[in-house]
């Protein structure tokens, strides 16, 4: 029964990811567009930015326009690695 769940989860993830796209207006080729390092920073401060965005429309959790894939990769790393996503998801916490 476990392989069926894995295949179903993978199929669902592929189905949902097929719907994901970024509009051209969200990607900028200029030198001052936020890139990998800004994405890393924005991913790291995501929890605080999200809370702030609930109270102020001037606070955003994601920079648009940005440099595209590298910004997204930095944002992902910032949330998962720097933001504690990989630590809190682990079952073994040392000791």
PDB file of N, CA and C in Angstrom:
ATOM      1  N   UNK A   1       0.820  -1.193   0.000  1.00  0.00           N
ATOM      2  CA  UNK A   1       0.000   0.000   0.000  1.00  0.00           C
ATOM      3  C   UNK A   1       0.867   1.261   0.000  1.00  0.00           C
ATOM      4  N   UNK A   2       2.068   1.181   0.562  1.00  0.00           N
ATOM      5  CA  UNK A   2       2.934   2.345   0.636  1.00  0.00           C
ATOM      6  C   UNK A   2       3.384   2.837  -0.746  1.00  0.00           C
ATOM      7  N   UNK A   3       3.764   1.947  -1.687  1.00  0.00           N
ATOM      8  CA  UNK A   3       4.148   2.431  -3.017  1.00  0.00           C
ATOM      9  C   UNK A   3       3.014   3.190  -3.719  1.00  0.00           C
ATOM     10  N   UNK A   4       1.781   2.798  -3.461  1.00  0.00           N
ATOM     11  CA  UNK A   4       0.644   3.486  -4.075  1.00  0.00           C
ATOM     12  C   UNK A   4       0.578   4.926  -3.571  1.00  0.00           C
ATOM     13  N   UNK A   5       0.818   5.132  -2.291  1.00  0.00           N
ATOM     14  CA  UNK A   5       0.800   6.487  -1.719  1.00  0.00           C
ATOM     15  C   UNK A   5       1.928   7.337  -2.292  1.00  0.00           C
ATOM     16  N   UNK A   6       3.092   6.735  -2.450  1.00  0.00           N
ATOM     17  CA  UNK A   6       4.232   7.474  -3.001  1.00  0.00           C
ATOM     18  C   UNK A   6       3.954   7.894  -4.437  1.00  0.00           C
ATOM     19  N   UNK A   7       3.459   6.966  -5.235  1.00  0.00           N
ATOM     20  CA  UNK A   7       3.141   7.270  -6.633  1.00  0.00           C
ATOM     21  C   UNK A   7       2.045   8.327  -6.709  1.00  0.00           C
ATOM     22  N   UNK A   8       1.051   8.230  -5.844  1.00  0.00           N
ATOM     23  CA  UNK A   8      -0.026   9.210  -5.828  1.00  0.00           C
ATOM     24  C   UNK A   8       0.505  10.587  -5.442  1.00  0.00           C
ATOM     25  N   UNK A   9       1.387  10.654  -4.452  1.00  0.00           N
ATOM     26  CA  UNK A   9       1.964  11.934  -4.028  1.00  0.00           C
ATOM     27  C   UNK A   9       2.803  12.555  -5.140  1.00  0.00           C
ATOM     28  N   UNK A  10       3.595  11.732  -5.824  1.00  0.00           N
ATOM     29  CA  UNK A  10       4.411  12.238  -6.926  1.00  0.00           C
ATOM     30  C   UNK A  10       3.530  12.733  -8.066  1.00  0.00           C
ATOM     31  N   UNK A  11       2.497  11.979  -8.395  1.00  0.00           N
ATOM     32  CA  UNK A  11       1.582  12.388  -9.462  1.00  0.00           C
ATOM     33  C   UNK A  11       0.873  13.690  -9.112  1.00  0.00           C
ATOM     34  N   UNK A  12       0.451  13.825  -7.867  1.00  0.00           N
ATOM     35  CA  UNK A  12      -0.208  15.056  -7.430  1.00  0.00           C
ATOM     36  C   UNK A  12       0.756  16.236  -7.481  1.00  0.00           C
ATOM     37  N   UNK A  13       1.997  16.037  -7.050  1.00  0.00           N
ATOM     38  CA  UNK A  13       3.002  17.105  -7.091  1.00  0.00           C
ATOM     39  C   UNK A  13       3.284  17.529  -8.530  1.00  0.00           C
ATOM     40  N   UNK A  14       3.362  16.571  -9.442  1.00  0.00           N
ATOM     41  CA  UNK A  14       3.597  16.901 -10.846  1.00  0.00           C
ATOM     42  C   UNK A  14       2.404  17.631 -11.452  1.00  0.00           C
ATOM     43  N   UNK A  15       1.213  17.226 -11.076  1.00  0.00           N
ATOM     44  CA  UNK A  15       0.014  17.887 -11.579  1.00  0.00           C
ATOM     45  C   UNK A  15      -0.052  19.338 -11.119  1.00  0.00           C
ATOM     46  N   UNK A  16       0.238  19.568  -9.849  1.00  0.00           N
ATOM     47  CA  UNK A  16       0.202  20.924  -9.306  1.00  0.00           C
ATOM     48  C   UNK A  16       1.335  21.764  -9.885  1.00  0.00           C
ATOM     49  N   UNK A  17       2.526  21.187 -10.031  1.00  0.00           N
ATOM     50  CA  UNK A  17       3.656  21.953 -10.561  1.00  0.00           C
ATOM     51  C   UNK A  17       3.472  22.293 -12.037  1.00  0.00           C
ATOM     52  N   UNK A  18       2.675  21.524 -12.746  1.00  0.00           N
ATOM     53  CA  UNK A  18       2.413  21.822 -14.146  1.00  0.00           C
ATOM     54  C   UNK A  18       1.621  23.114 -14.298  1.00  0.00           C
ATOM     55  N   UNK A  19       0.923  23.507 -13.267  1.00  0.00           N
ATOM     56  CA  UNK A  19       0.130  24.733 -13.304  1.00  0.00           C
ATOM     57  C   UNK A  19       0.956  25.969 -12.945  1.00  0.00           C
ATOM     58  N   UNK A  20       2.143  25.770 -12.393  1.00  0.00           N
ATOM     59  CA  UNK A  20       2.971  26.885 -11.948  1.00  0.00           C
ATOM     60  C   UNK A  20       3.669  27.547 -13.127  1.00  0.00           C
ATOM     61  N   UNK A  21       3.590  28.843 -13.162  1.00  0.00           N
ATOM     62  CA  UNK A  21       4.317  29.604 -14.174  1.00  0.00           C
ATOM     63  C   UNK A  21       4.561  31.006 -13.635  1.00  0.00           C
ATOM     64  N   UNK A  22       5.514  31.683 -14.228  1.00  0.00           N
ATOM     65  CA  UNK A  22       5.812  33.045 -13.823  1.00  0.00           C
ATOM     66  C   UNK A  22       5.597  33.932 -15.029  1.00  0.00           C
ATOM     67  N   UNK A  23       4.813  34.980 -14.845  1.00  0.00           N
ATOM     68  CA  UNK A  23       4.542  35.882 -15.962  1.00  0.00           C
ATOM     69  C   UNK A  23       5.798  36.688 -16.278  1.00  0.00           C
ATOM     70  N   UNK A  24       5.926  37.108 -17.508  1.00  0.00           N
ATOM     71  CA  UNK A  24       7.103  37.853 -17.935  1.00  0.00           C
ATOM     72  C   UNK A  24       7.273  39.162 -17.181  1.00  0.00           C
ATOM     73  N   UNK A  25       6.189  39.774 -16.756  1.00  0.00           N
ATOM     74  CA  UNK A  25       6.273  41.031 -16.022  1.00  0.00           C
ATOM     75  C   UNK A  25       6.936  40.838 -14.662  1.00  0.00           C
ATOM     76  N   UNK A  26       6.983  39.609 -14.161  1.00  0.00           N
ATOM     77  CA  UNK A  26       7.593  39.328 -12.874  1.00  0.00           C
ATOM     78  C   UNK A  26       9.092  39.118 -12.944  1.00  0.00           C
ATOM     79  N   UNK A  27       9.645  39.033 -14.157  1.00  0.00           N
ATOM     80  CA  UNK A  27      11.085  38.809 -14.329  1.00  0.00           C
ATOM     81  C   UNK A  27      11.691  40.041 -14.985  1.00  0.00           C
ATOM     82  N   UNK A  28      12.797  40.506 -14.394  1.00  0.00           N
ATOM     83  CA  UNK A  28      13.466  41.692 -14.915  1.00  0.00           C
ATOM     84  C   UNK A  28      14.910  41.350 -15.247  1.00  0.00           C
ATOM     85  N   UNK A  29      15.390  41.847 -16.358  1.00  0.00           N
ATOM     86  CA  UNK A  29      16.769  41.594 -16.786  1.00  0.00           C
ATOM     87  C   UNK A  29      17.706  42.725 -16.372  1.00  0.00           C
ATOM     88  N   UNK A  30      17.223  43.731 -15.669  1.00  0.00           N
ATOM     89  CA  UNK A  30      18.076  44.847 -15.275  1.00  0.00           C
ATOM     90  C   UNK A  30      19.056  44.420 -14.190  1.00  0.00           C
ATOM     91  N   UNK A  31      20.142  45.169 -14.077  1.00  0.00           N
ATOM     92  CA  UNK A  31      21.191  44.828 -13.117  1.00  0.00           C
ATOM     93  C   UNK A  31      20.744  45.024 -11.673  1.00  0.00           C
ATOM     94  N   UNK A  32      19.775  45.893 -11.448  1.00  0.00           N
ATOM     95  CA  UNK A  32      19.338  46.160 -10.070  1.00  0.00           C
ATOM     96  C   UNK A  32      18.178  45.275  -9.618  1.00  0.00           C
ATOM     97  N   UNK A  33      17.781  44.320 -10.426  1.00  0.00           N
ATOM     98  CA  UNK A  33      16.704  43.398 -10.035  1.00  0.00           C
ATOM     99  C   UNK A  33      17.232  42.448  -8.959  1.00  0.00           C
ATOM    100  N   UNK A  34      16.414  42.155  -7.951  1.00  0.00           N
ATOM    101  CA  UNK A  34      16.859  41.232  -6.900  1.00  0.00           C
ATOM    102  C   UNK A  34      17.236  39.871  -7.478  1.00  0.00           C
ATOM    103  N   UNK A  35      18.393  39.362  -7.055  1.00  0.00           N
ATOM    104  CA  UNK A  35      18.890  38.088  -7.542  1.00  0.00           C
ATOM    105  C   UNK A  35      18.968  37.050  -6.441  1.00  0.00           C
ATOM    106  N   UNK A  36      19.943  36.158  -6.561  1.00  0.00           N
ATOM    107  CA  UNK A  36      20.072  35.027  -5.650  1.00  0.00           C
ATOM    108  C   UNK A  36      20.209  35.466  -4.194  1.00  0.00           C
ATOM    109  N   UNK A  37      21.115  36.393  -3.920  1.00  0.00           N
ATOM    110  CA  UNK A  37      21.359  36.796  -2.527  1.00  0.00           C
ATOM    111  C   UNK A  37      20.143  37.479  -1.900  1.00  0.00           C
ATOM    112  N   UNK A  38      19.452  38.305  -2.679  1.00  0.00           N
ATOM    113  CA  UNK A  38      18.226  38.918  -2.158  1.00  0.00           C
ATOM    114  C   UNK A  38      17.157  37.855  -1.924  1.00  0.00           C
ATOM    115  N   UNK A  39      17.081  36.863  -2.806  1.00  0.00           N
ATOM    116  CA  UNK A  39      16.138  35.766  -2.616  1.00  0.00           C
ATOM    117  C   UNK A  39      16.452  34.984  -1.351  1.00  0.00           C
ATOM    118  N   UNK A  40      17.742  34.748  -1.110  1.00  0.00           N
ATOM    119  CA  UNK A  40      18.179  34.064   0.098  1.00  0.00           C
ATOM    120  C   UNK A  40      17.747  34.847   1.339  1.00  0.00           C
ATOM    121  N   UNK A  41      17.983  36.154   1.314  1.00  0.00           N
ATOM    122  CA  UNK A  41      17.603  37.009   2.436  1.00  0.00           C
ATOM    123  C   UNK A  41      16.084  37.032   2.628  1.00  0.00           C
ATOM    124  N   UNK A  42      15.336  37.209   1.545  1.00  0.00           N
ATOM    125  CA  UNK A  42      13.878  37.258   1.648  1.00  0.00           C
ATOM    126  C   UNK A  42      13.304  35.936   2.135  1.00  0.00           C
ATOM    127  N   UNK A  43      13.918  34.825   1.750  1.00  0.00           N
ATOM    128  CA  UNK A  43      13.486  33.518   2.258  1.00  0.00           C
ATOM    129  C   UNK A  43      13.754  33.383   3.744  1.00  0.00           C
ATOM    130  N   UNK A  44      14.902  33.897   4.185  1.00  0.00           N
ATOM    131  CA  UNK A  44      15.266  33.810   5.600  1.00  0.00           C
ATOM    132  C   UNK A  44      14.329  34.633   6.483  1.00  0.00           C
ATOM    133  N   UNK A  45      13.941  35.811   6.014  1.00  0.00           N
ATOM    134  CA  UNK A  45      13.073  36.677   6.830  1.00  0.00           C
ATOM    135  C   UNK A  45      11.590  36.449   6.541  1.00  0.00           C
ATOM    136  N   UNK A  46      11.274  35.420   5.765  1.00  0.00           N
ATOM    137  CA  UNK A  46       9.885  35.150   5.388  1.00  0.00           C
ATOM    138  C   UNK A  46       8.909  35.124   6.559  1.00  0.00           C
ATOM    139  N   UNK A  47       9.196  34.419   7.671  1.00  0.00           N
ATOM    140  CA  UNK A  47       8.196  34.381   8.751  1.00  0.00           C
ATOM    141  C   UNK A  47       7.842  35.768   9.281  1.00  0.00           C
ATOM    142  N   UNK A  48       8.843  36.622   9.430  1.00  0.00           N
ATOM    143  CA  UNK A  48       8.585  37.964   9.948  1.00  0.00           C
ATOM    144  C   UNK A  48       7.901  38.836   8.902  1.00  0.00           C
ATOM    145  N   UNK A  49       8.294  38.683   7.628  1.00  0.00           N
ATOM    146  CA  UNK A  49       7.641  39.444   6.571  1.00  0.00           C
ATOM    147  C   UNK A  49       6.183  39.050   6.437  1.00  0.00           C
ATOM    148  N   UNK A  50       5.899  37.765   6.586  1.00  0.00           N
ATOM    149  CA  UNK A  50       4.510  37.314   6.464  1.00  0.00           C
ATOM    150  C   UNK A  50       3.654  37.924   7.566  1.00  0.00           C
ATOM    151  N   UNK A  51       4.156  37.911   8.784  1.00  0.00           N
ATOM    152  CA  UNK A  51       3.405  38.508   9.892  1.00  0.00           C
ATOM    153  C   UNK A  51       3.205  40.001   9.640  1.00  0.00           C
ATOM    154  N   UNK A  52       4.251  40.679   9.192  1.00  0.00           N
ATOM    155  CA  UNK A  52       4.137  42.109   8.887  1.00  0.00           C
ATOM    156  C   UNK A  52       3.165  42.378   7.764  1.00  0.00           C
ATOM    157  N   UNK A  53       3.115  41.494   6.768  1.00  0.00           N
ATOM    158  CA  UNK A  53       2.214  41.701   5.626  1.00  0.00           C
ATOM    159  C   UNK A  53       0.746  41.577   6.012  1.00  0.00           C
ATOM    160  N   UNK A  54       0.474  40.895   7.109  1.00  0.00           N
ATOM    161  CA  UNK A  54      -0.909  40.795   7.573  1.00  0.00           C
ATOM    162  C   UNK A  54      -1.424  42.128   8.098  1.00  0.00           C
ATOM    163  N   UNK A  55      -0.504  42.979   8.559  1.00  0.00           N
ATOM    164  CA  UNK A  55      -0.888  44.251   9.158  1.00  0.00           C
ATOM    165  C   UNK A  55      -0.611  45.459   8.274  1.00  0.00           C
ATOM    166  N   UNK A  56       0.249  45.314   7.272  1.00  0.00           N
ATOM    167  CA  UNK A  56       0.598  46.439   6.407  1.00  0.00           C
ATOM    168  C   UNK A  56       0.644  45.986   4.945  1.00  0.00           C
ATOM    169  N   UNK A  57      -0.100  46.661   4.063  1.00  0.00           N
ATOM    170  CA  UNK A  57      -0.064  46.295   2.643  1.00  0.00           C
ATOM    171  C   UNK A  57       1.251  46.683   1.968  1.00  0.00           C
ATOM    172  N   UNK A  58       2.096  47.452   2.649  1.00  0.00           N
ATOM    173  CA  UNK A  58       3.369  47.871   2.070  1.00  0.00           C
ATOM    174  C   UNK A  58       4.474  46.823   2.246  1.00  0.00           C
ATOM    175  N   UNK A  59       4.230  45.793   3.052  1.00  0.00           N
ATOM    176  CA  UNK A  59       5.214  44.749   3.282  1.00  0.00           C
ATOM    177  C   UNK A  59       4.872  43.554   2.406  1.00  0.00           C
ATOM    178  N   UNK A  60       5.858  43.112   1.625  1.00  0.00           N
ATOM    179  CA  UNK A  60       5.674  41.956   0.746  1.00  0.00           C
ATOM    180  C   UNK A  60       6.635  40.847   1.165  1.00  0.00           C
ATOM    181  N   UNK A  61       6.258  39.612   0.943  1.00  0.00           N
ATOM    182  CA  UNK A  61       7.114  38.486   1.299  1.00  0.00           C
ATOM    183  C   UNK A  61       7.974  38.030   0.123  1.00  0.00           C
ATOM    184  N   UNK A  62       7.693  38.520  -1.063  1.00  0.00           N
ATOM    185  CA  UNK A  62       8.366  38.077  -2.281  1.00  0.00           C
ATOM    186  C   UNK A  62       8.554  39.288  -3.178  1.00  0.00           C
ATOM    187  N   UNK A  63       9.736  39.475  -3.719  1.00  0.00           N
ATOM    188  CA  UNK A  63      10.034  40.651  -4.533  1.00  0.00           C
ATOM    189  C   UNK A  63       9.634  40.439  -5.988  1.00  0.00           C
ATOM    190  N   UNK A  64       8.810  41.346  -6.498  1.00  0.00           N
ATOM    191  CA  UNK A  64       8.406  41.316  -7.903  1.00  0.00           C
ATOM    192  C   UNK A  64       8.606  42.718  -8.457  1.00  0.00           C
ATOM    193  N   UNK A  65       9.319  42.914  -9.549  1.00  0.00           N
ATOM    194  CA  UNK A  65       9.996  41.917 -10.371  1.00  0.00           C
ATOM    195  C   UNK A  65      11.323  41.490  -9.757  1.00  0.00           C
ATOM    196  N   UNK A  66      11.778  40.305 -10.134  1.00  0.00           N
ATOM    197  CA  UNK A  66      13.067  39.783  -9.681  1.00  0.00           C
ATOM    198  C   UNK A  66      13.805  39.185 -10.878  1.00  0.00           C
ATOM    199  N   UNK A  67      14.964  38.588 -10.615  1.00  0.00           N
ATOM    200  CA  UNK A  67      15.776  38.074 -11.720  1.00  0.00           C
ATOM    201  C   UNK A  67      15.330  36.700 -12.225  1.00  0.00           C
ATOM    202  N   UNK A  68      14.307  36.126 -11.630  1.00  0.00           N
ATOM    203  CA  UNK A  68      13.779  34.855 -12.124  1.00  0.00           C
ATOM    204  C   UNK A  68      14.219  33.657 -11.322  1.00  0.00           C
ATOM    205  N   UNK A  69      14.756  32.662 -11.996  1.00  0.00           N
ATOM    206  CA  UNK A  69      15.093  31.383 -11.379  1.00  0.00           C
ATOM    207  C   UNK A  69      16.088  31.464 -10.244  1.00  0.00           C
ATOM    208  N   UNK A  70      17.111  32.301 -10.373  1.00  0.00           N
ATOM    209  CA  UNK A  70      18.100  32.403  -9.301  1.00  0.00           C
ATOM    210  C   UNK A  70      17.496  33.022  -8.046  1.00  0.00           C
ATOM    211  N   UNK A  71      16.624  34.005  -8.211  1.00  0.00           N
ATOM    212  CA  UNK A  71      15.945  34.585  -7.053  1.00  0.00           C
ATOM    213  C   UNK A  71      15.075  33.520  -6.385  1.00  0.00           C
ATOM    214  N   UNK A  72      14.343  32.780  -7.182  1.00  0.00           N
ATOM    215  CA  UNK A  72      13.480  31.719  -6.650  1.00  0.00           C
ATOM    216  C   UNK A  72      14.290  30.668  -5.899  1.00  0.00           C
ATOM    217  N   UNK A  73      15.434  30.285  -6.449  1.00  0.00           N
ATOM    218  CA  UNK A  73      16.288  29.295  -5.801  1.00  0.00           C
ATOM    219  C   UNK A  73      16.818  29.822  -4.465  1.00  0.00           C
ATOM    220  N   UNK A  74      17.238  31.079  -4.447  1.00  0.00           N
ATOM    221  CA  UNK A  74      17.694  31.692  -3.200  1.00  0.00           C
ATOM    222  C   UNK A  74      16.580  31.776  -2.179  1.00  0.00           C
ATOM    223  N   UNK A  75      15.380  32.113  -2.624  1.00  0.00           N
ATOM    224  CA  UNK A  75      14.220  32.202  -1.736  1.00  0.00           C
ATOM    225  C   UNK A  75      13.924  30.835  -1.124  1.00  0.00           C
ATOM    226  N   UNK A  76      13.960  29.807  -1.960  1.00  0.00           N
ATOM    227  CA  UNK A  76      13.730  28.442  -1.496  1.00  0.00           C
ATOM    228  C   UNK A  76      14.768  28.023  -0.459  1.00  0.00           C
ATOM    229  N   UNK A  77      16.048  28.286  -0.754  1.00  0.00           N
ATOM    230  CA  UNK A  77      17.108  27.946   0.201  1.00  0.00           C
ATOM    231  C   UNK A  77      16.956  28.729   1.494  1.00  0.00           C
ATOM    232  N   UNK A  78      16.587  29.995   1.382  1.00  0.00           N
ATOM    233  CA  UNK A  78      16.415  30.816   2.575  1.00  0.00           C
ATOM    234  C   UNK A  78      15.325  30.281   3.480  1.00  0.00           C
ATOM    235  N   UNK A  79      14.240  29.820   2.899  1.00  0.00           N
ATOM    236  CA  UNK A  79      13.141  29.281   3.707  1.00  0.00           C
ATOM    237  C   UNK A  79      13.518  27.923   4.296  1.00  0.00           C
ATOM    238  N   UNK A  80      14.056  27.035   3.475  1.00  0.00           N
ATOM    239  CA  UNK A  80      14.288  25.671   3.948  1.00  0.00           C
ATOM    240  C   UNK A  80      15.534  25.525   4.803  1.00  0.00           C
ATOM    241  N   UNK A  81      16.646  26.106   4.406  1.00  0.00           N
ATOM    242  CA  UNK A  81      17.898  25.897   5.123  1.00  0.00           C
ATOM    243  C   UNK A  81      18.104  26.933   6.214  1.00  0.00           C
ATOM    244  N   UNK A  82      18.126  28.206   5.841  1.00  0.00           N
ATOM    245  CA  UNK A  82      18.377  29.256   6.820  1.00  0.00           C
ATOM    246  C   UNK A  82      17.191  29.468   7.747  1.00  0.00           C
ATOM    247  N   UNK A  83      15.999  29.291   7.226  1.00  0.00           N
ATOM    248  CA  UNK A  83      14.800  29.514   8.033  1.00  0.00           C
ATOM    249  C   UNK A  83      14.479  28.383   8.990  1.00  0.00           C
ATOM    250  N   UNK A  84      15.252  27.323   8.977  1.00  0.00           N
ATOM    251  CA  UNK A  84      15.034  26.227   9.910  1.00  0.00           C
ATOM    252  C   UNK A  84      14.148  25.125   9.383  1.00  0.00           C
ATOM    253  N   UNK A  85      13.754  25.181   8.132  1.00  0.00           N
ATOM    254  CA  UNK A  85      12.870  24.168   7.583  1.00  0.00           C
ATOM    255  C   UNK A  85      13.453  22.772   7.634  1.00  0.00           C
ATOM    256  N   UNK A  86      14.736  22.641   7.330  1.00  0.00           N
ATOM    257  CA  UNK A  86      15.338  21.308   7.352  1.00  0.00           C
ATOM    258  C   UNK A  86      15.600  20.835   8.777  1.00  0.00           C
ATOM    259  N   UNK A  87      15.832  21.761   9.723  1.00  0.00           N
ATOM    260  CA  UNK A  87      16.073  21.372  11.118  1.00  0.00           C
ATOM    261  C   UNK A  87      14.782  20.936  11.777  1.00  0.00           C
ATOM    262  N   UNK A  88      13.709  21.694  11.615  1.00  0.00           N
ATOM    263  CA  UNK A  88      12.455  21.376  12.284  1.00  0.00           C
ATOM    264  C   UNK A  88      11.789  20.151  11.683  1.00  0.00           C
ATOM    265  N   UNK A  89      12.118  19.812  10.455  1.00  0.00           N
ATOM    266  CA  UNK A  89      11.531  18.646   9.828  1.00  0.00           C
ATOM    267  C   UNK A  89      12.236  17.350  10.181  1.00  0.00           C
ATOM    268  N   UNK A  90      13.414  17.440  10.788  1.00  0.00           N
ATOM    269  CA  UNK A  90      14.145  16.218  11.106  1.00  0.00           C
ATOM    270  C   UNK A  90      13.585  15.565  12.365  1.00  0.00           C
ATOM    271  N   UNK A  91      13.682  14.245  12.414  1.00  0.00           N
ATOM    272  CA  UNK A  91      13.159  13.503  13.576  1.00  0.00           C
ATOM    273  C   UNK A  91      14.220  13.358  14.649  1.00  0.00           C
ATOM    274  N   UNK A  92      15.474  13.338  14.248  1.00  0.00           N
ATOM    275  CA  UNK A  92      16.559  13.183  15.205  1.00  0.00           C
ATOM    276  C   UNK A  92      17.214  14.536  15.446  1.00  0.00           C
ATOM    277  N   UNK A  93      17.227  14.995  16.677  1.00  0.00           N
ATOM    278  CA  UNK A  93      17.738  16.328  16.971  1.00  0.00           C
ATOM    279  C   UNK A  93      18.998  16.292  17.820  1.00  0.00           C
ATOM    280  N   UNK A  94      19.833  15.344  17.573  1.00  0.00           N
ATOM    281  CA  UNK A  94      21.131  15.277  18.260  1.00  0.00           C
ATOM    282  C   UNK A  94      20.991  14.837  19.704  1.00  0.00           C
ATOM    283  N   UNK A  95      22.137  14.678  20.344  1.00  0.00           N
ATOM    284  CA  UNK A  95      22.111  14.380  21.773  1.00  0.00           C
ATOM    285  C   UNK A  95      22.246  12.973  22.036  1.00  0.00           C
TER     286      UNK A  95
END
